[in-house]
C-alpha atoms as a PDB file:
ATOM      1  CA  UNK A   1       5.211 -37.244 -14.008  1.00  0.00           C
ATOM      2  CA  UNK A   2       6.495 -38.502 -10.627  1.00  0.00           C
ATOM      3  CA  UNK A   3       8.421 -36.461  -8.079  1.00  0.00           C
ATOM      4  CA  UNK A   4      11.989 -37.774  -8.138  1.00  0.00           C
ATOM      5  CA  UNK A   5      13.629 -35.118  -5.954  1.00  0.00           C
ATOM      6  CA  UNK A   6      14.662 -36.080  -2.435  1.00  0.00           C
ATOM      7  CA  UNK A   7      13.682 -33.875   0.500  1.00  0.00           C
ATOM      8  CA  UNK A   8      12.530 -34.040   4.087  1.00  0.00           C
ATOM      9  CA  UNK A   9       8.796 -33.671   4.709  1.00  0.00           C
ATOM     10  CA  UNK A  10       7.440 -32.214   7.940  1.00  0.00           C
ATOM     11  CA  UNK A  11       3.898 -31.379   8.987  1.00  0.00           C
ATOM     12  CA  UNK A  12       3.982 -29.018  11.974  1.00  0.00           C
ATOM     13  CA  UNK A  13       1.003 -28.668  14.282  1.00  0.00           C
ATOM     14  CA  UNK A  14       1.580 -25.035  15.263  1.00  0.00           C
ATOM     15  CA  UNK A  15       3.218 -21.833  14.087  1.00  0.00           C
ATOM     16  CA  UNK A  16       6.137 -22.092  16.503  1.00  0.00           C
ATOM     17  CA  UNK A  17       7.288 -25.339  14.907  1.00  0.00           C
ATOM     18  CA  UNK A  18       6.816 -23.903  11.407  1.00  0.00           C
ATOM     19  CA  UNK A  19       8.922 -20.859  12.205  1.00  0.00           C
ATOM     20  CA  UNK A  20      11.669 -22.941  13.806  1.00  0.00           C
ATOM     21  CA  UNK A  21      11.975 -25.009  10.616  1.00  0.00           C
ATOM     22  CA  UNK A  22      12.192 -21.904   8.432  1.00  0.00           C
ATOM     23  CA  UNK A  23      14.667 -20.315  10.830  1.00  0.00           C
ATOM     24  CA  UNK A  24      16.879 -23.385  10.481  1.00  0.00           C
ATOM     25  CA  UNK A  25      16.563 -24.061   6.723  1.00  0.00           C
ATOM     26  CA  UNK A  26      15.703 -20.573   5.374  1.00  0.00           C
ATOM     27  CA  UNK A  27      15.727 -20.582   1.538  1.00  0.00           C
ATOM     28  CA  UNK A  28      16.209 -24.371   1.533  1.00  0.00           C
ATOM     29  CA  UNK A  29      12.678 -24.798   2.954  1.00  0.00           C
ATOM     30  CA  UNK A  30       9.482 -24.554   0.901  1.00  0.00           C
ATOM     31  CA  UNK A  31       5.977 -24.123   2.309  1.00  0.00           C
ATOM     32  CA  UNK A  32       3.208 -26.437   1.128  1.00  0.00           C
ATOM     33  CA  UNK A  33      -0.302 -24.959   1.355  1.00  0.00           C
ATOM     34  CA  UNK A  34      -2.329 -25.851  -1.732  1.00  0.00           C
ATOM     35  CA  UNK A  35       0.660 -27.194  -3.626  1.00  0.00           C
ATOM     36  CA  UNK A  36      -0.709 -26.433  -7.091  1.00  0.00           C
ATOM     37  CA  UNK A  37       2.530 -24.665  -8.050  1.00  0.00           C
ATOM     38  CA  UNK A  38       5.011 -26.359  -5.722  1.00  0.00           C
ATOM     39  CA  UNK A  39       4.170 -29.918  -6.778  1.00  0.00           C
ATOM     40  CA  UNK A  40       4.611 -28.991 -10.447  1.00  0.00           C
ATOM     41  CA  UNK A  41       7.937 -27.316  -9.687  1.00  0.00           C
ATOM     42  CA  UNK A  42       9.118 -30.384  -7.756  1.00  0.00           C
ATOM     43  CA  UNK A  43       8.202 -32.664 -10.649  1.00  0.00           C
ATOM     44  CA  UNK A  44       9.958 -30.463 -13.195  1.00  0.00           C
ATOM     45  CA  UNK A  45      13.051 -29.931 -11.070  1.00  0.00           C
ATOM     46  CA  UNK A  46      12.435 -26.188 -10.749  1.00  0.00           C
ATOM     47  CA  UNK A  47      12.277 -26.446  -6.954  1.00  0.00           C
ATOM     48  CA  UNK A  48      14.934 -28.391  -5.036  1.00  0.00           C
ATOM     49  CA  UNK A  49      14.249 -27.829  -1.335  1.00  0.00           C
ATOM     50  CA  UNK A  50      15.883 -29.716   1.485  1.00  0.00           C
ATOM     51  CA  UNK A  51      12.604 -29.724   3.388  1.00  0.00           C
ATOM     52  CA  UNK A  52       8.942 -29.288   2.447  1.00  0.00           C
ATOM     53  CA  UNK A  53       6.870 -27.832   5.276  1.00  0.00           C
ATOM     54  CA  UNK A  54       3.206 -28.845   5.077  1.00  0.00           C
ATOM     55  CA  UNK A  55       1.151 -26.043   6.629  1.00  0.00           C
ATOM     56  CA  UNK A  56      -2.278 -27.647   6.432  1.00  0.00           C
ATOM     57  CA  UNK A  57      -2.395 -28.757  10.080  1.00  0.00           C
ATOM     58  CA  UNK A  58      -1.625 -25.292  11.492  1.00  0.00           C
ATOM     59  CA  UNK A  59      -4.929 -23.877  12.795  1.00  0.00           C
ATOM     60  CA  UNK A  60      -3.725 -20.255  12.922  1.00  0.00           C
ATOM     61  CA  UNK A  61      -3.398 -20.242   9.119  1.00  0.00           C
ATOM     62  CA  UNK A  62      -6.845 -21.595   8.277  1.00  0.00           C
ATOM     63  CA  UNK A  63     -10.015 -19.791   7.240  1.00  0.00           C
ATOM     64  CA  UNK A  64     -10.897 -16.138   6.950  1.00  0.00           C
ATOM     65  CA  UNK A  65     -12.815 -13.547   8.954  1.00  0.00           C
ATOM     66  CA  UNK A  66     -14.328 -10.084   8.456  1.00  0.00           C
ATOM     67  CA  UNK A  67     -14.032  -7.849  11.508  1.00  0.00           C
ATOM     68  CA  UNK A  68     -14.361  -4.059  11.671  1.00  0.00           C
ATOM     69  CA  UNK A  69     -14.528  -3.919   7.854  1.00  0.00           C
ATOM     70  CA  UNK A  70     -11.167  -5.688   7.530  1.00  0.00           C
ATOM     71  CA  UNK A  71     -11.056  -9.050   5.774  1.00  0.00           C
ATOM     72  CA  UNK A  72      -8.303 -11.371   6.982  1.00  0.00           C
ATOM     73  CA  UNK A  73      -7.531 -14.277   4.652  1.00  0.00           C
ATOM     74  CA  UNK A  74      -5.493 -16.985   6.347  1.00  0.00           C
ATOM     75  CA  UNK A  75      -2.622 -18.447   4.359  1.00  0.00           C
ATOM     76  CA  UNK A  76      -4.638 -21.662   3.831  1.00  0.00           C
ATOM     77  CA  UNK A  77      -7.767 -19.932   2.462  1.00  0.00           C
ATOM     78  CA  UNK A  78      -8.446 -21.324  -1.008  1.00  0.00           C
ATOM     79  CA  UNK A  79     -10.105 -19.663  -3.968  1.00  0.00           C
ATOM     80  CA  UNK A  80     -13.054 -22.025  -3.529  1.00  0.00           C
ATOM     81  CA  UNK A  81     -13.365 -20.826   0.077  1.00  0.00           C
ATOM     82  CA  UNK A  82     -13.769 -17.286  -1.252  1.00  0.00           C
ATOM     83  CA  UNK A  83     -16.205 -18.246  -3.992  1.00  0.00           C
ATOM     84  CA  UNK A  84     -18.457 -20.148  -1.590  1.00  0.00           C
ATOM     85  CA  UNK A  85     -18.527 -17.397   1.056  1.00  0.00           C
ATOM     86  CA  UNK A  86     -21.544 -15.067   0.790  1.00  0.00           C
ATOM     87  CA  UNK A  87     -19.711 -12.397   2.800  1.00  0.00           C
ATOM     88  CA  UNK A  88     -16.921 -12.211   0.212  1.00  0.00           C
ATOM     89  CA  UNK A  89     -19.380 -11.816  -2.648  1.00  0.00           C
ATOM     90  CA  UNK A  90     -21.335  -9.189  -0.736  1.00  0.00           C
ATOM     91  CA  UNK A  91     -18.460  -7.107   0.651  1.00  0.00           C
ATOM     92  CA  UNK A  92     -15.546  -7.762  -1.742  1.00  0.00           C
ATOM     93  CA  UNK A  93     -17.240  -8.710  -5.015  1.00  0.00           C
ATOM     94  CA  UNK A  94     -14.228  -7.811  -7.143  1.00  0.00           C
ATOM     95  CA  UNK A  95     -12.096 -10.351  -5.262  1.00  0.00           C
ATOM     96  CA  UNK A  96     -14.929 -12.868  -5.594  1.00  0.00           C
ATOM     97  CA  UNK A  97     -15.136 -12.210  -9.341  1.00  0.00           C
ATOM     98  CA  UNK A  98     -11.389 -12.622  -9.800  1.00  0.00           C
ATOM     99  CA  UNK A  99     -11.437 -15.893  -7.852  1.00  0.00           C
ATOM    100  CA  UNK A 100     -13.893 -17.340 -10.370  1.00  0.00           C
ATOM    101  CA  UNK A 101     -11.348 -16.930 -13.173  1.00  0.00           C
ATOM    102  CA  UNK A 102      -8.519 -18.856 -11.507  1.00  0.00           C
ATOM    103  CA  UNK A 103      -7.695 -22.028 -13.428  1.00  0.00           C
ATOM    104  CA  UNK A 104     -10.250 -24.846 -12.978  1.00  0.00           C
ATOM    105  CA  UNK A 105     -12.572 -26.005 -10.200  1.00  0.00           C
ATOM    106  CA  UNK A 106     -10.071 -28.662  -9.159  1.00  0.00           C
ATOM    107  CA  UNK A 107      -7.237 -26.166  -8.912  1.00  0.00           C
ATOM    108  CA  UNK A 108      -9.389 -23.609  -7.068  1.00  0.00           C
ATOM    109  CA  UNK A 109     -10.236 -26.285  -4.499  1.00  0.00           C
ATOM    110  CA  UNK A 110      -6.555 -26.485  -3.579  1.00  0.00           C
ATOM    111  CA  UNK A 111      -4.916 -23.206  -4.615  1.00  0.00           C
ATOM    112  CA  UNK A 112      -4.615 -20.511  -1.959  1.00  0.00           C
ATOM    113  CA  UNK A 113      -4.571 -16.739  -2.317  1.00  0.00           C
ATOM    114  CA  UNK A 114      -1.344 -16.626  -0.294  1.00  0.00           C
ATOM    115  CA  UNK A 115       0.235 -19.193  -2.589  1.00  0.00           C
ATOM    116  CA  UNK A 116      -0.880 -17.229  -5.646  1.00  0.00           C
ATOM    117  CA  UNK A 117       0.967 -14.114  -4.526  1.00  0.00           C
ATOM    118  CA  UNK A 118       3.980 -16.079  -3.275  1.00  0.00           C
ATOM    119  CA  UNK A 119       4.404 -17.673  -6.697  1.00  0.00           C
ATOM    120  CA  UNK A 120       4.410 -14.080  -7.983  1.00  0.00           C
ATOM    121  CA  UNK A 121       3.861 -14.917 -11.634  1.00  0.00           C
ATOM    122  CA  UNK A 122       3.021 -11.749 -13.602  1.00  0.00           C
ATOM    123  CA  UNK A 123      -0.368 -13.275 -14.541  1.00  0.00           C
ATOM    124  CA  UNK A 124      -1.584 -13.838 -10.949  1.00  0.00           C
ATOM    125  CA  UNK A 125      -5.366 -13.351 -11.135  1.00  0.00           C
ATOM    126  CA  UNK A 126      -5.715 -12.348  -7.491  1.00  0.00           C
ATOM    127  CA  UNK A 127      -3.152  -9.554  -7.763  1.00  0.00           C
ATOM    128  CA  UNK A 128      -5.249  -6.791  -9.425  1.00  0.00           C
ATOM    129  CA  UNK A 129      -8.061  -7.228  -6.897  1.00  0.00           C
ATOM    130  CA  UNK A 130      -5.634  -7.204  -3.963  1.00  0.00           C
ATOM    131  CA  UNK A 131      -3.920  -4.143  -5.416  1.00  0.00           C
ATOM    132  CA  UNK A 132      -7.051  -2.015  -5.800  1.00  0.00           C
ATOM    133  CA  UNK A 133      -8.236  -3.013  -2.321  1.00  0.00           C
ATOM    134  CA  UNK A 134      -4.819  -1.877  -0.955  1.00  0.00           C
ATOM    135  CA  UNK A 135      -4.191  -5.289   0.586  1.00  0.00           C
ATOM    136  CA  UNK A 136      -1.468  -5.910   3.148  1.00  0.00           C
ATOM    137  CA  UNK A 137       0.542  -9.147   3.348  1.00  0.00           C
ATOM    138  CA  UNK A 138       1.213 -10.333   6.897  1.00  0.00           C
ATOM    139  CA  UNK A 139       4.452 -12.264   7.284  1.00  0.00           C
ATOM    140  CA  UNK A 140       5.989 -13.885  10.336  1.00  0.00           C
ATOM    141  CA  UNK A 141       9.347 -15.298  11.400  1.00  0.00           C
ATOM    142  CA  UNK A 142      10.949 -16.105  14.733  1.00  0.00           C
ATOM    143  CA  UNK A 143      12.249 -12.548  14.663  1.00  0.00           C
ATOM    144  CA  UNK A 144       8.770 -11.069  14.566  1.00  0.00           C
ATOM    145  CA  UNK A 145       5.922 -10.024  12.256  1.00  0.00           C
ATOM    146  CA  UNK A 146       5.817  -7.636   9.309  1.00  0.00           C
ATOM    147  CA  UNK A 147       3.034  -5.922   7.378  1.00  0.00           C
ATOM    148  CA  UNK A 148       3.987  -5.528   3.725  1.00  0.00           C
ATOM    149  CA  UNK A 149       1.696  -3.457   1.464  1.00  0.00           C
ATOM    150  CA  UNK A 150       0.869  -5.475  -1.627  1.00  0.00           C
ATOM    151  CA  UNK A 151       2.230  -2.532  -3.645  1.00  0.00           C
ATOM    152  CA  UNK A 152       5.671  -3.470  -2.258  1.00  0.00           C
ATOM    153  CA  UNK A 153       5.183  -7.224  -2.332  1.00  0.00           C
ATOM    154  CA  UNK A 154       5.994  -8.091  -5.955  1.00  0.00           C
ATOM    155  CA  UNK A 155       9.621  -7.227  -6.700  1.00  0.00           C
ATOM    156  CA  UNK A 156       9.858  -8.860 -10.141  1.00  0.00           C
ATOM    157  CA  UNK A 157       8.778 -11.943 -12.097  1.00  0.00           C
ATOM    158  CA  UNK A 158       8.386 -14.748  -9.546  1.00  0.00           C
ATOM    159  CA  UNK A 159      10.069 -12.610  -6.887  1.00  0.00           C
ATOM    160  CA  UNK A 160       8.589 -11.147  -3.713  1.00  0.00           C
ATOM    161  CA  UNK A 161       9.560  -9.243  -0.584  1.00  0.00           C
ATOM    162  CA  UNK A 162       9.273 -12.445   1.497  1.00  0.00           C
ATOM    163  CA  UNK A 163      12.435 -13.110   3.487  1.00  0.00           C
ATOM    164  CA  UNK A 164      14.017 -16.587   3.580  1.00  0.00           C
ATOM    165  CA  UNK A 165      13.057 -17.252   7.207  1.00  0.00           C
ATOM    166  CA  UNK A 166       9.461 -15.973   6.860  1.00  0.00           C
ATOM    167  CA  UNK A 167       6.111 -17.391   5.854  1.00  0.00           C
ATOM    168  CA  UNK A 168       2.941 -15.583   4.840  1.00  0.00           C
ATOM    169  CA  UNK A 169       0.517 -15.741   7.738  1.00  0.00           C
ATOM    170  CA  UNK A 170      -2.434 -13.920   6.165  1.00  0.00           C
ATOM    171  CA  UNK A 171      -3.546 -11.269   3.700  1.00  0.00           C
ATOM    172  CA  UNK A 172      -5.716  -8.359   4.867  1.00  0.00           C
ATOM    173  CA  UNK A 173      -8.056  -6.165   2.823  1.00  0.00           C
ATOM    174  CA  UNK A 174      -9.798  -3.071   4.156  1.00  0.00           C
ATOM    175  CA  UNK A 175     -13.303  -2.389   2.873  1.00  0.00           C
ATOM    176  CA  UNK A 176     -13.351   1.094   1.274  1.00  0.00           C
ATOM    177  CA  UNK A 177     -15.553   3.531   3.147  1.00  0.00           C
ATOM    178  CA  UNK A 178     -16.913   5.256   0.035  1.00  0.00           C
ATOM    179  CA  UNK A 179     -19.588   3.728  -2.179  1.00  0.00           C
ATOM    180  CA  UNK A 180     -17.935   1.813  -4.970  1.00  0.00           C
ATOM    181  CA  UNK A 181     -18.211  -1.009  -7.497  1.00  0.00           C
ATOM    182  CA  UNK A 182     -15.622  -3.046  -9.353  1.00  0.00           C
ATOM    183  CA  UNK A 183     -14.856  -5.315 -12.257  1.00  0.00           C
ATOM    184  CA  UNK A 184     -12.105  -7.797 -13.151  1.00  0.00           C
ATOM    185  CA  UNK A 185     -11.645  -8.379 -16.856  1.00  0.00           C
ATOM    186  CA  UNK A 186      -9.441 -11.289 -17.964  1.00  0.00           C
ATOM    187  CA  UNK A 187      -8.056 -11.965 -21.436  1.00  0.00           C
ATOM    188  CA  UNK A 188      -7.918 -15.708 -21.932  1.00  0.00           C
ATOM    189  CA  UNK A 189      -7.396 -18.004 -24.891  1.00  0.00           C
ATOM    190  CA  UNK A 190     -10.461 -20.029 -24.023  1.00  0.00           C
ATOM    191  CA  UNK A 191     -13.036 -20.324 -21.268  1.00  0.00           C
ATOM    192  CA  UNK A 192     -11.836 -22.621 -18.531  1.00  0.00           C
ATOM    193  CA  UNK A 193      -8.352 -23.325 -17.170  1.00  0.00           C
ATOM    194  CA  UNK A 194      -5.873 -20.866 -18.615  1.00  0.00           C
ATOM    195  CA  UNK A 195      -3.365 -18.291 -17.463  1.00  0.00           C
ATOM    196  CA  UNK A 196      -4.281 -14.700 -18.153  1.00  0.00           C
ATOM    197  CA  UNK A 197      -2.877 -13.144 -21.296  1.00  0.00           C
ATOM    198  CA  UNK A 198      -3.835  -9.945 -19.558  1.00  0.00           C
ATOM    199  CA  UNK A 199      -6.007  -8.822 -16.668  1.00  0.00           C
ATOM    200  CA  UNK A 200      -7.459  -5.491 -15.571  1.00  0.00           C
ATOM    201  CA  UNK A 201      -9.116  -4.869 -12.207  1.00  0.00           C
ATOM    202  CA  UNK A 202     -10.891  -1.611 -11.404  1.00  0.00           C
ATOM    203  CA  UNK A 203     -12.786   0.023  -8.573  1.00  0.00           C
ATOM    204  CA  UNK A 204     -15.040   2.971  -9.415  1.00  0.00           C
ATOM    205  CA  UNK A 205     -16.150   5.278  -6.596  1.00  0.00           C
ATOM    206  CA  UNK A 206     -19.219   7.502  -6.403  1.00  0.00           C
ATOM    207  CA  UNK A 207     -17.026  10.622  -6.103  1.00  0.00           C
ATOM    208  CA  UNK A 208     -15.451   9.920  -9.526  1.00  0.00           C
ATOM    209  CA  UNK A 209     -12.207   8.499  -8.220  1.00  0.00           C
ATOM    210  CA  UNK A 210     -10.812   5.278  -9.617  1.00  0.00           C
ATOM    211  CA  UNK A 211      -8.385   2.496  -8.837  1.00  0.00           C
ATOM    212  CA  UNK A 212      -6.897   0.440 -11.664  1.00  0.00           C
ATOM    213  CA  UNK A 213      -4.494  -2.505 -11.548  1.00  0.00           C
ATOM    214  CA  UNK A 214      -3.181  -4.962 -14.124  1.00  0.00           C
ATOM    215  CA  UNK A 215      -1.626  -8.410 -14.382  1.00  0.00           C
ATOM    216  CA  UNK A 216       0.193 -10.208 -17.237  1.00  0.00           C
ATOM    217  CA  UNK A 217       0.897  -6.828 -18.848  1.00  0.00           C
ATOM    218  CA  UNK A 218       4.336  -6.268 -17.362  1.00  0.00           C
ATOM    219  CA  UNK A 219       7.033  -7.987 -15.283  1.00  0.00           C
ATOM    220  CA  UNK A 220       4.912  -7.764 -12.142  1.00  0.00           C
ATOM    221  CA  UNK A 221       1.264  -7.062 -11.363  1.00  0.00           C
ATOM    222  CA  UNK A 222       0.204  -3.831  -9.706  1.00  0.00           C
ATOM    223  CA  UNK A 223      -1.570  -0.492  -9.770  1.00  0.00           C
ATOM    224  CA  UNK A 224      -1.622   1.821 -12.794  1.00  0.00           C
ATOM    225  CA  UNK A 225      -1.108   5.337 -11.387  1.00  0.00           C
ATOM    226  CA  UNK A 226      -0.986   7.145 -14.737  1.00  0.00           C
ATOM    227  CA  UNK A 227      -4.302   5.597 -15.747  1.00  0.00           C
ATOM    228  CA  UNK A 228      -5.844   6.512 -12.412  1.00  0.00           C
ATOM    229  CA  UNK A 229      -4.621  10.091 -12.762  1.00  0.00           C
ATOM    230  CA  UNK A 230      -6.248  10.343 -16.194  1.00  0.00           C
ATOM    231  CA  UNK A 231      -9.559   9.229 -14.699  1.00  0.00           C
ATOM    232  CA  UNK A 232      -9.721  10.797 -11.247  1.00  0.00           C
ATOM    233  CA  UNK A 233     -12.213  13.605 -10.806  1.00  0.00           C
ATOM    234  CA  UNK A 234     -13.911  12.971 -14.124  1.00  0.00           C
ATOM    235  CA  UNK A 235     -17.164  11.367 -15.170  1.00  0.00           C
ATOM    236  CA  UNK A 236     -16.739   8.389 -17.429  1.00  0.00           C
ATOM    237  CA  UNK A 237     -17.257   9.349 -21.073  1.00  0.00           C
ATOM    238  CA  UNK A 238     -15.628   8.830 -24.445  1.00  0.00           C
ATOM    239  CA  UNK A 239     -13.015  11.538 -23.920  1.00  0.00           C
ATOM    240  CA  UNK A 240     -12.098  10.323 -20.425  1.00  0.00           C
ATOM    241  CA  UNK A 241     -11.956   6.697 -21.555  1.00  0.00           C
ATOM    242  CA  UNK A 242      -9.644   7.573 -24.434  1.00  0.00           C
ATOM    243  CA  UNK A 243      -7.322   9.510 -22.138  1.00  0.00           C
ATOM    244  CA  UNK A 244      -7.249   6.559 -19.727  1.00  0.00           C
ATOM    245  CA  UNK A 245      -6.437   4.098 -22.515  1.00  0.00           C
ATOM    246  CA  UNK A 246      -3.593   6.291 -23.734  1.00  0.00           C
ATOM    247  CA  UNK A 247      -2.241   6.548 -20.190  1.00  0.00           C
ATOM    248  CA  UNK A 248      -2.438   2.777 -19.773  1.00  0.00           C
ATOM    249  CA  UNK A 249      -0.247   2.248 -22.833  1.00  0.00           C
ATOM    250  CA  UNK A 250       2.438   4.410 -21.216  1.00  0.00           C
ATOM    251  CA  UNK A 251       2.703   2.243 -18.100  1.00  0.00           C
ATOM    252  CA  UNK A 252       2.294  -1.358 -19.237  1.00  0.00           C
ATOM    253  CA  UNK A 253       5.032  -3.377 -20.923  1.00  0.00           C
ATOM    254  CA  UNK A 254       3.665  -6.712 -22.131  1.00  0.00           C
ATOM    255  CA  UNK A 255       5.846  -9.304 -23.840  1.00  0.00           C
ATOM    256  CA  UNK A 256       5.364 -11.712 -26.707  1.00  0.00           C
ATOM    257  CA  UNK A 257       5.224 -15.319 -25.566  1.00  0.00           C
ATOM    258  CA  UNK A 258       3.562 -18.607 -26.476  1.00  0.00           C
ATOM    259  CA  UNK A 259       0.165 -17.335 -25.348  1.00  0.00           C
ATOM    260  CA  UNK A 260       0.012 -13.967 -27.063  1.00  0.00           C
ATOM    261  CA  UNK A 261       1.954 -11.265 -28.891  1.00  0.00           C
ATOM    262  CA  UNK A 262       2.963  -7.966 -27.331  1.00  0.00           C
ATOM    263  CA  UNK A 263       0.906  -6.079 -29.914  1.00  0.00           C
ATOM    264  CA  UNK A 264      -2.241  -8.084 -29.208  1.00  0.00           C
ATOM    265  CA  UNK A 265      -1.884  -7.546 -25.483  1.00  0.00           C
ATOM    266  CA  UNK A 266      -1.453  -3.794 -25.951  1.00  0.00           C
ATOM    267  CA  UNK A 267      -4.578  -3.639 -28.106  1.00  0.00           C
ATOM    268  CA  UNK A 268      -6.679  -5.816 -25.814  1.00  0.00           C
ATOM    269  CA  UNK A 269      -5.529  -4.059 -22.643  1.00  0.00           C
ATOM    270  CA  UNK A 270      -7.284  -0.917 -23.853  1.00  0.00           C
ATOM    271  CA  UNK A 271     -10.448  -2.856 -24.648  1.00  0.00           C
ATOM    272  CA  UNK A 272     -10.389  -4.588 -21.258  1.00  0.00           C
ATOM    273  CA  UNK A 273      -9.900  -1.293 -19.460  1.00  0.00           C
ATOM    274  CA  UNK A 274     -12.872   0.253 -21.247  1.00  0.00           C
ATOM    275  CA  UNK A 275     -15.132  -2.727 -20.586  1.00  0.00           C
ATOM    276  CA  UNK A 276     -14.077  -2.989 -16.940  1.00  0.00           C
ATOM    277  CA  UNK A 277     -14.687   0.713 -16.286  1.00  0.00           C
ATOM    278  CA  UNK A 278     -18.051   0.682 -18.030  1.00  0.00           C
ATOM    279  CA  UNK A 279     -19.202  -2.457 -16.199  1.00  0.00           C
ATOM    280  CA  UNK A 280     -18.052  -1.144 -12.819  1.00  0.00           C
ATOM    281  CA  UNK A 281     -19.725   2.229 -13.440  1.00  0.00           C
ATOM    282  CA  UNK A 282     -22.977   0.513 -14.346  1.00  0.00           C
ATOM    283  CA  UNK A 283     -22.768  -1.698 -11.264  1.00  0.00           C
ATOM    284  CA  UNK A 284     -22.282   1.385  -9.129  1.00  0.00           C
ATOM    285  CA  UNK A 285     -25.706   2.531 -10.339  1.00  0.00           C
ATOM    286  CA  UNK A 286     -27.281  -0.865  -9.685  1.00  0.00           C
ATOM    287  CA  UNK A 287     -27.204  -1.804 -13.347  1.00  0.00           C
ATOM    288  CA  UNK A 288     -24.812  -3.662 -15.643  1.00  0.00           C
ATOM    289  CA  UNK A 289     -23.776  -7.319 -15.661  1.00  0.00           C
ATOM    290  CA  UNK A 290     -23.840  -9.393 -12.505  1.00  0.00           C
ATOM    291  CA  UNK A 291     -20.461 -10.078 -10.932  1.00  0.00           C
ATOM    292  CA  UNK A 292     -18.825 -13.059 -12.594  1.00  0.00           C
ATOM    293  CA  UNK A 293     -21.113 -12.952 -15.619  1.00  0.00           C
ATOM    294  CA  UNK A 294     -19.059 -11.232 -18.325  1.00  0.00           C
ATOM    295  CA  UNK A 295     -15.454 -10.929 -17.286  1.00  0.00           C
ATOM    296  CA  UNK A 296     -13.672 -13.119 -19.867  1.00  0.00           C
ATOM    297  CA  UNK A 297     -12.510 -11.452 -23.100  1.00  0.00           C
END
């Protein structure tokens, strides 16, 4: 399907030019990083910008770096960049594992983490990992910079805290100080390119504290505080797992759509939570499945 919409196209060479364009056009401007969502929306008439701002030539937005145990992902960092980086697999294996589940190889070569959270679909695969790592979204406009906790980033289906004159500059994740292990479990109709019917990401710490986040199980992805409260301070066992599953059902609100029924999602969310917690707990002890090996339900 061709793009029939008319719009201006600009390719700035630095951040100053980018920010001037967004200051002028605001909500009538759309950023182009990977384009895996934007191009589809342009073709289908869902996006009708006056100007498309291609960010790929802006050096400040490229790449990623780990300094002082803080990982900074530039707005142009793709999922393939993460998958191919040994430091990501070694230090943030849950994020690495989640990246493996995103769409197809071709899409991962183009799609960016920043774009994934800006699209803000409830099924965003990167969101649970970012949530349990307490990520911060760095935005910038001519008026200055902001640091938005990812917990405050998603405001509803396909809605974010990004202001009309801002762009996402980077996403930062802080490496937890305590010993931990994680797991991302994705419910998918088939292996390969598919949106999540549901996703559960967990971090398990050696002191028996837990972080749990979900996607595609409510109007926006995010942490599951009731589930965490049911787990924290307890060793993982049948009784604790059952309490956590019951808590999860009280804080998710999946829908019925073309990909799955509400009832199926509710049932499978409990199974995914159990499998994710058990895998992460085993990994914490140096056992269990390798990251990326068994995370599709």
